[in-house]
Protein backbone atom coordinates (compact mmCIF):
# COMPACT_ATOMS: atom_id res chain seq x y z
CA UNK A 1 -3.45 9.89 9.82
CA UNK A 2 -6.66 11.07 11.68
CA UNK A 3 -7.19 14.82 12.24
CA UNK A 4 -8.81 15.67 15.53
CA UNK A 5 -11.35 18.40 15.73
CA UNK A 6 -10.75 20.99 18.53
CA UNK A 7 -13.29 23.31 19.89
CA UNK A 8 -12.49 27.05 19.48
CA UNK A 9 -14.06 29.40 22.32
CA UNK A 10 -17.67 28.10 22.98
CA UNK A 11 -18.45 27.67 19.18
CA UNK A 12 -17.69 24.32 18.98
CA UNK A 13 -16.25 24.93 15.68
CA UNK A 14 -13.73 22.34 14.42
CA UNK A 15 -10.13 23.06 13.68
CA UNK A 16 -9.59 23.25 10.07
CA UNK A 17 -7.95 20.22 8.34
CA UNK A 18 -4.32 20.22 7.76
CA UNK A 19 -3.62 20.15 3.92
CA UNK A 20 -3.06 16.66 2.73
CA UNK A 21 0.54 17.67 1.42
CA UNK A 22 1.40 18.48 5.33
CA UNK A 23 0.44 14.95 6.71
CA UNK A 24 3.06 12.25 7.55
CA UNK A 25 1.57 8.35 7.40
CA UNK A 26 2.06 7.41 11.27
CA UNK A 27 2.91 3.79 10.29
CA UNK A 28 5.95 4.74 8.61
CA UNK A 29 7.30 6.52 11.35
CA UNK A 30 6.24 4.14 13.57
CA UNK A 31 8.14 1.35 11.54
CA UNK A 32 11.20 3.51 11.44
CA UNK A 33 11.42 4.04 15.18
CA UNK A 34 11.05 0.80 15.97
CA UNK A 35 13.53 -0.58 12.80
CA UNK A 36 16.31 2.05 14.88
CA UNK A 37 15.42 0.60 17.88
CA UNK A 38 16.62 -2.86 16.46
CA UNK A 39 19.61 -1.48 14.85
CA UNK A 40 20.72 0.07 18.08
CA UNK A 41 19.79 -3.27 19.90
CA UNK A 42 22.11 -5.38 17.62
CA UNK A 43 24.85 -3.22 17.52
CA UNK A 44 24.96 -3.58 21.29
CA UNK A 45 24.68 -7.09 21.12
CA UNK A 46 28.13 -7.28 19.01
CA UNK A 47 30.15 -7.25 22.22
CA UNK A 48 28.36 -9.47 23.76
CA UNK A 49 26.63 -12.29 21.18
CA UNK A 50 30.05 -14.39 21.23
CA UNK A 51 29.55 -16.09 24.32
CA UNK A 52 25.31 -16.73 23.94
CA UNK A 53 23.99 -19.01 21.33
CA UNK A 54 20.71 -17.55 21.71
CA UNK A 55 21.93 -13.91 21.96
CA UNK A 56 23.69 -14.80 18.35
CA UNK A 57 20.36 -16.45 17.35
CA UNK A 58 18.30 -13.36 17.85
CA UNK A 59 20.98 -11.00 16.56
CA UNK A 60 21.35 -12.96 13.12
CA UNK A 61 17.61 -12.88 12.92
CA UNK A 62 17.48 -8.97 13.80
CA UNK A 63 19.91 -8.73 11.18
CA UNK A 64 18.08 -10.48 8.37
CA UNK A 65 15.47 -7.74 8.13
CA UNK A 66 15.93 -4.79 10.44
CA UNK A 67 18.06 -2.71 7.31
CA UNK A 68 16.32 -4.35 4.69
CA UNK A 69 13.02 -2.77 6.40
CA UNK A 70 14.80 0.46 6.32
CA UNK A 71 15.89 0.73 2.89
CA UNK A 72 12.89 -0.44 1.59
CA UNK A 73 11.02 2.55 3.43
CA UNK A 74 13.94 4.71 1.84
CA UNK A 75 13.29 3.52 -1.95
CA UNK A 76 9.62 3.74 -1.18
CA UNK A 77 9.96 7.48 -0.35
CA UNK A 78 12.34 7.85 -3.17
CA UNK A 79 9.98 7.35 -5.48
CA UNK A 80 9.57 11.52 -6.28
CA UNK A 81 12.87 11.81 -6.25
CA UNK A 82 14.26 13.50 -9.67
CA UNK A 83 16.90 15.78 -10.81
CA UNK A 84 15.01 19.05 -10.16
CA UNK A 85 17.61 21.35 -8.11
CA UNK A 86 15.27 21.69 -4.98
CA UNK A 87 15.63 17.67 -4.52
CA UNK A 88 19.24 17.57 -5.65
CA UNK A 89 20.19 20.31 -2.96
CA UNK A 90 18.16 18.58 -0.35
CA UNK A 91 20.52 15.28 -1.30
CA UNK A 92 23.38 17.13 -0.83
CA UNK A 93 22.73 19.02 2.59
CA UNK A 94 20.82 16.08 3.85
CA UNK A 95 22.89 13.13 3.05
CA UNK A 96 26.32 14.35 1.59
CA UNK A 97 27.24 16.94 4.24
CA UNK A 98 26.11 14.71 7.05
CA UNK A 99 28.30 11.89 5.54
CA UNK A 100 31.45 14.35 5.39
CA UNK A 101 30.72 15.35 9.10
CA UNK A 102 30.11 11.87 10.55
CA UNK A 103 32.90 10.31 8.53
CA UNK A 104 35.28 12.53 9.95
CA UNK A 105 33.83 12.12 13.17
CA UNK A 106 34.14 8.57 13.29
CA UNK A 107 37.61 8.48 12.33
CA UNK A 108 38.53 10.65 14.39
CA UNK A 109 36.83 9.22 17.60
CA UNK A 110 38.81 5.71 16.65
CA UNK A 111 42.14 7.13 16.27
CA UNK A 112 42.34 8.93 19.76
CA UNK A 113 39.44 6.98 21.41
CA UNK A 114 40.78 3.53 20.49
CA UNK A 115 44.37 4.61 20.49
CA UNK A 116 44.41 3.87 16.88
CA UNK A 117 47.05 6.31 15.23
CA UNK A 118 46.61 4.47 11.85
CA UNK A 119 43.06 5.04 11.72
CA UNK A 120 43.13 7.38 8.62
CA UNK A 121 40.64 10.18 8.14
CA UNK A 122 39.18 9.70 4.30
CA UNK A 123 35.77 9.81 2.94
CA UNK A 124 36.94 6.93 0.53
CA UNK A 125 36.38 4.06 2.73
CA UNK A 126 33.69 4.46 5.31
CA UNK A 127 33.60 3.45 8.38
CA UNK A 128 31.29 1.41 10.98
CA UNK A 129 27.78 2.73 10.08
CA UNK A 130 28.34 5.60 7.39
CA UNK A 131 28.10 3.42 4.71
CA UNK A 132 24.31 3.87 4.57
CA UNK A 133 24.78 7.65 3.36
CA UNK A 134 26.95 6.78 0.86
CA UNK A 135 24.45 4.09 -0.44
CA UNK A 136 21.25 6.38 0.05
CA UNK A 137 23.35 8.88 -1.89
CA UNK A 138 23.66 6.72 -4.72
CA UNK A 139 20.41 4.70 -4.89
CA UNK A 140 18.72 8.18 -4.64
CA UNK A 141 20.63 9.82 -7.24
CA UNK A 142 20.01 6.82 -9.48
CA UNK A 143 16.50 6.44 -8.64
CA UNK A 144 15.43 8.27 -12.31
CA UNK A 145 17.33 5.81 -13.92
CA UNK A 146 15.30 2.56 -12.12
CA UNK A 147 12.31 4.10 -12.63
CA UNK A 148 12.58 4.38 -16.80
CA UNK A 149 13.59 0.45 -16.35
CA UNK A 150 11.29 -1.74 -17.47
CA UNK A 151 12.23 -4.55 -15.09
CA UNK A 152 14.45 -2.53 -12.36
CA UNK A 153 14.14 -5.35 -9.77
CA UNK A 154 15.41 -8.24 -11.54
CA UNK A 155 17.97 -6.00 -13.31
CA UNK A 156 19.27 -4.55 -9.39
CA UNK A 157 19.50 -8.20 -8.36
CA UNK A 158 21.14 -9.51 -11.18
CA UNK A 159 23.88 -6.43 -10.11
CA UNK A 160 24.09 -7.31 -6.79
CA UNK A 161 24.46 -10.80 -7.86
CA UNK A 162 27.63 -9.64 -9.99
CA UNK A 163 28.83 -8.07 -6.63
CA UNK A 164 28.71 -10.91 -4.54
CA UNK A 165 31.20 -12.92 -6.79
CA UNK A 166 33.39 -9.64 -7.57
CA UNK A 167 36.01 -8.85 -4.76
CA UNK A 168 38.04 -6.63 -7.31
CA UNK A 169 35.29 -3.85 -6.03
CA UNK A 170 37.34 -3.62 -2.96
CA UNK A 171 36.66 -1.46 0.09
CA UNK A 172 35.95 1.96 -1.70
CA UNK A 173 33.06 3.61 -0.72
CA UNK A 174 31.76 0.21 0.80
CA UNK A 175 30.83 -0.26 -2.74
CA UNK A 176 29.94 -3.73 -1.75
CA UNK A 177 27.03 -3.09 0.23
CA UNK A 178 25.83 -0.23 -2.01
CA UNK A 179 25.14 -2.68 -4.80
CA UNK A 180 24.38 -5.98 -2.43
CA UNK A 181 21.76 -4.20 -0.71
CA UNK A 182 20.51 -2.25 -3.85
CA UNK A 183 17.53 -4.80 -4.74
CA UNK A 184 15.72 -3.60 -1.55
CA UNK A 185 15.96 -0.01 -2.42
CA UNK A 186 14.60 -0.59 -6.02
CA UNK A 187 12.01 -2.93 -4.50
CA UNK A 188 10.89 0.09 -2.34
CA UNK A 189 10.79 2.22 -5.49
CA UNK A 190 8.17 -0.45 -7.02
CA UNK A 191 5.82 -0.50 -4.16
CA UNK A 192 2.33 1.18 -3.65
CA UNK A 193 0.51 1.80 -0.72
CA UNK A 194 -1.56 -1.07 -1.15
CA UNK A 195 1.40 -3.09 -1.28
CA UNK A 196 1.64 -2.37 2.39
CA UNK A 197 -1.89 -2.47 3.41
CA UNK A 198 -1.46 -6.08 2.01
CA UNK A 199 0.69 -7.05 4.99
CA UNK A 200 -0.80 -4.81 7.62
CA UNK A 201 -3.87 -7.52 8.42
CA UNK A 202 -4.68 -9.73 11.21
CA UNK A 203 -3.78 -12.98 9.25
CA UNK A 204 -0.52 -11.45 8.48
CA UNK A 205 0.03 -11.12 12.10
CA UNK A 206 -0.89 -14.57 12.73
CA UNK A 207 1.07 -15.93 10.17
CA UNK A 208 4.56 -13.95 11.04
CA UNK A 209 4.14 -15.69 14.72
CA UNK A 210 5.40 -19.01 13.56
CA UNK A 211 7.68 -17.44 10.72
CA UNK A 212 9.16 -15.14 13.53
CA UNK A 213 9.74 -18.63 15.45
CA UNK A 214 10.99 -20.49 12.79
CA UNK A 215 13.52 -17.85 11.63
CA UNK A 216 14.83 -18.00 15.22
CA UNK A 217 15.28 -22.13 15.30
CA UNK A 218 17.02 -21.93 12.17
CA UNK A 219 19.48 -19.03 13.48
CA UNK A 220 20.05 -20.91 16.31
CA UNK A 221 20.50 -24.20 14.37
CA UNK A 222 23.03 -21.98 12.01
CA UNK A 223 24.97 -20.22 14.69
CA UNK A 224 28.14 -22.52 14.43
CA UNK A 225 27.53 -23.45 11.09
CA UNK A 226 27.37 -20.31 8.60
CA UNK A 227 28.87 -17.14 8.85
CA UNK A 228 27.06 -14.17 9.87
CA UNK A 229 28.87 -11.74 7.78
CA UNK A 230 26.59 -12.91 4.49
CA UNK A 231 23.85 -10.36 6.38
CA UNK A 232 26.13 -7.58 6.28
CA UNK A 233 26.49 -8.00 2.43
CA UNK A 234 29.95 -6.15 2.52
CA UNK A 235 32.08 -8.90 0.83
CA UNK A 236 32.32 -11.05 -1.78
CA UNK A 237 31.99 -15.04 -1.38
CA UNK A 238 35.57 -15.33 -2.49
CA UNK A 239 36.54 -13.14 0.49
CA UNK A 240 34.17 -15.19 2.77
CA UNK A 241 36.10 -18.30 1.95
CA UNK A 242 33.43 -19.88 -0.05
CA UNK A 243 32.98 -20.95 -3.38
CA UNK A 244 31.95 -18.22 -6.08
CA UNK A 245 28.96 -19.74 -7.36
CA UNK A 246 27.45 -19.52 -3.64
CA UNK A 247 27.55 -15.79 -3.79
CA UNK A 248 24.34 -15.27 -6.09
CA UNK A 249 23.18 -18.04 -4.25
CA UNK A 250 22.83 -16.26 -1.08
CA UNK A 251 22.06 -13.04 -2.61
CA UNK A 252 18.62 -14.48 -3.76
CA UNK A 253 18.40 -16.77 -0.31
CA UNK A 254 18.88 -13.61 1.80
CA UNK A 255 16.52 -11.22 -0.32
CA UNK A 256 13.92 -13.69 -0.03
CA UNK A 257 14.56 -14.15 4.02
CA UNK A 258 14.67 -10.89 4.36
CA UNK A 259 11.38 -10.16 2.25
CA UNK A 260 9.36 -12.47 4.22
CA UNK A 261 10.61 -11.30 7.41
CA UNK A 262 10.33 -8.11 6.29
CA UNK A 263 6.49 -8.34 5.66
CA UNK A 264 5.97 -9.92 8.96
CA UNK A 265 7.84 -6.92 10.80
CA UNK A 266 5.58 -4.41 9.27
CA UNK A 267 2.12 -6.45 9.81
CA UNK A 268 3.00 -5.73 13.90
CA UNK A 269 4.02 -1.75 13.07
CA UNK A 270 0.79 0.00 14.50
CA UNK A 271 -0.82 2.55 11.88
CA UNK A 272 -2.27 4.85 14.78
CA UNK A 273 -0.36 7.59 16.05
CA UNK A 274 1.60 6.90 19.42
CA UNK A 275 3.73 8.45 21.61
CA UNK A 276 6.96 7.35 19.48
CA UNK A 277 5.16 8.42 16.40
CA UNK A 278 6.97 11.98 16.52
CA UNK A 279 10.41 9.77 16.88
CA UNK A 280 9.94 8.38 13.59
CA UNK A 281 11.10 11.58 11.85
CA UNK A 282 14.50 11.77 13.95
CA UNK A 283 15.33 8.12 13.01
CA UNK A 284 18.65 9.32 10.85
CA UNK A 285 19.83 11.39 14.05
CA UNK A 286 19.57 8.16 16.26
CA UNK A 287 20.82 6.11 13.56
CA UNK A 288 24.29 8.34 13.24
CA UNK A 289 24.64 9.37 16.82
CA UNK A 290 24.04 6.03 18.81
CA UNK A 291 27.08 4.42 17.53
CA UNK A 292 29.62 6.67 19.24
CA UNK A 293 27.77 5.53 22.50
CA UNK A 294 28.17 1.74 21.15
CA UNK A 295 31.88 2.07 20.20
CA UNK A 296 32.61 4.18 23.52
CA UNK A 297 31.44 1.22 25.24
CA UNK A 298 33.75 -0.74 23.27
CA UNK A 299 36.99 1.39 23.46
CA UNK A 300 36.75 1.91 27.55
CA UNK A 301 35.54 -1.77 28.14
CA UNK A 302 31.79 -1.19 29.15
CA UNK A 303 30.77 -4.33 27.90
CA UNK A 304 33.70 -6.33 30.15
CA UNK A 305 32.16 -6.46 33.40
CA UNK A 306 31.17 -10.30 33.91
CA UNK A 307 27.49 -9.39 34.47
CA UNK A 308 26.60 -7.90 31.04
CA UNK A 309 27.58 -11.39 29.70
CA UNK A 310 24.97 -13.37 31.56
CA UNK A 311 21.07 -13.21 31.03
CA UNK A 312 19.92 -10.39 33.11
CA UNK A 313 23.06 -8.25 31.95
CA UNK A 314 22.32 -8.91 28.05
CA UNK A 315 18.61 -7.60 29.11
CA UNK A 316 19.80 -4.26 30.29
CA UNK A 317 22.09 -3.59 27.63
CA UNK A 318 19.36 -4.21 25.42
CA UNK A 319 16.98 -1.79 27.01
CA UNK A 320 19.48 0.54 27.49
CA UNK A 321 20.22 0.79 24.07
CA UNK A 322 16.35 1.00 23.44
CA UNK A 323 16.60 4.00 25.78
CA UNK A 324 19.56 5.62 24.56
CA UNK A 325 18.76 5.41 20.81
CA UNK A 326 15.07 6.44 21.81
CA UNK A 327 16.44 9.77 23.55
CA UNK A 328 19.05 10.30 20.42
CA UNK A 329 15.44 10.64 18.24
CA UNK A 330 14.11 13.36 20.43
CA UNK A 331 13.47 17.16 19.40
CA UNK A 332 16.16 18.80 21.70
CA UNK A 333 18.82 16.42 20.23
CA UNK A 334 17.91 17.14 17.01
CA UNK A 335 17.61 20.62 17.19
CA UNK A 336 21.20 21.11 18.45
CA UNK A 337 22.42 18.83 15.54
CA UNK A 338 20.56 19.86 12.82
CA UNK A 339 23.26 21.80 11.51
CA UNK A 340 25.05 19.17 10.52
CA UNK A 341 22.35 16.80 10.00
CA UNK A 342 19.86 19.28 7.92
CA UNK A 343 22.17 22.81 6.97
CA UNK A 344 20.24 25.07 4.92
CA UNK A 345 23.61 25.95 3.28
CA UNK A 346 21.47 28.91 1.15
CA UNK A 347 24.85 30.30 0.58
CA UNK A 348 26.35 27.51 -1.68
CA UNK A 349 23.68 27.04 -4.39
CA UNK A 350 21.64 29.44 -6.80
CA UNK A 351 18.22 30.19 -6.35
CA UNK A 352 15.78 27.89 -8.64
CA UNK A 353 13.59 30.07 -10.50
CA UNK A 354 11.34 27.16 -10.61
CA UNK A 355 11.25 27.25 -6.73
CA UNK A 356 10.95 30.92 -6.49
CA UNK A 357 7.36 30.24 -8.81
CA UNK A 358 6.25 27.35 -6.24
CA UNK A 359 7.11 29.44 -3.27
CA UNK A 360 4.89 32.68 -4.69
CA UNK A 361 2.27 30.27 -5.87
CA UNK A 362 2.14 28.68 -2.33
CA UNK A 363 1.95 32.86 -0.56
CA UNK A 364 -0.89 33.58 -3.22
CA UNK A 365 -2.56 30.53 -2.68
CA UNK A 366 -2.53 31.29 1.16
CA UNK A 367 -4.72 34.11 0.47
CA UNK A 368 -7.71 32.60 -1.65
CA UNK A 369 -10.98 31.39 -0.57
CA UNK A 370 -11.06 27.82 0.92
CA UNK A 371 -12.14 25.65 -2.00
CA UNK A 372 -10.27 27.37 -4.31
CA UNK A 373 -8.53 24.68 -6.82
CA UNK A 374 -5.96 26.98 -9.01
CA UNK A 375 -2.85 26.06 -7.68
CA UNK A 376 -1.03 22.72 -9.20
CA UNK A 377 -1.28 20.54 -6.05
CA UNK A 378 -5.23 20.85 -6.16
CA UNK A 379 -5.54 20.32 -9.75
CA UNK A 380 -3.01 17.43 -9.64
CA UNK A 381 -3.16 15.14 -6.43
CA UNK A 382 -0.07 13.23 -7.60
CA UNK A 383 1.59 16.56 -7.49
CA UNK A 384 0.58 17.19 -3.70
CA UNK A 385 1.26 13.04 -2.57
CA UNK A 386 4.63 13.72 -4.22
CA UNK A 387 5.37 16.82 -2.40
CA UNK A 388 4.80 14.97 1.03
CA UNK A 389 6.78 11.66 -0.07
CA UNK A 390 9.60 14.42 -0.59
CA UNK A 391 9.29 15.28 2.75
CA UNK A 392 8.85 11.97 4.65
CA UNK A 393 11.87 10.46 2.39
CA UNK A 394 14.42 12.90 3.93
CA UNK A 395 13.66 10.97 6.84
CA UNK A 396 13.36 7.68 5.87
CA UNK A 397 17.42 6.91 6.49
CA UNK A 398 19.22 4.35 8.77
């Protein structure tokens, strides 16, 4: 990201550039923001799509790539994850704790908002959108294993294919989704910056136009012929009343289609800083909070108005979903909910000696003359990049 220059007084002295370890890549923040807007739009279409074949086709296409895009980014920024105590602590406070809080909150909201006394409050059966936190916890915890394998992506695809023919897995922790979406996370672990640069070209943007047009045409054709539940990756083939062998076939077919559409999506994501770039750091907030608004509309009949089921009404609902999730990603909302989304919980963890040494080195480094190369981050650029990835990976959720 280009650092701007600011004059100081009348000297015209440029402001000192931000240390490389503190920079955020605007492309990924922009991609996360656009993806979370698509997630919110897709959820808002669910009560409306049954009466509109066009909306159902659009819903199918969006569901083919919006979560894969998010998961690939999450994997990409998990490349530096290891079992270091501070990173495990961040995994607990940034993923496990929000899961406990929001799974409980959503279950209670369903029980009392939808007048469903049978809705149990349990952490073993994620409801609605909290499955992603369970999946992210498992994926990131197993990152060192995937990084040690010679062929991680084929292995992940094999596991997903086996899951697609194993209804015995059941609903505990939504493991079907954890396993069937796993290849996208592992793919993110395998990617490098140059792979993203390859799809961010003018030629790729031109190619993506007919690709998306063809995807919409196929989606429109498939509406009465295909079960949309395949795109949720939450059931085995047998649970979808399909022959067992269709499970592995659909895993591979959907992985290929999702990968092509995700590449086309990335090709249109701007790489420069925009008004929405800063919102990319708050996408997990938007992801977890917008579900309450969508479900409230479902529980209280907000989507029942006849005019909402016409084209102008569907456009209005789409715009409203985009506005709501945008507001939920803003800094004021993040400040309010940070206590449950990113709690420090210093009281729960022992102080890591390695972390204390890093903090001491950081303080000492701040007093060194400019150009000093004594710190580990200066001596090893990969360590500096790993620190940046860890910070940005915390926001790569949803």
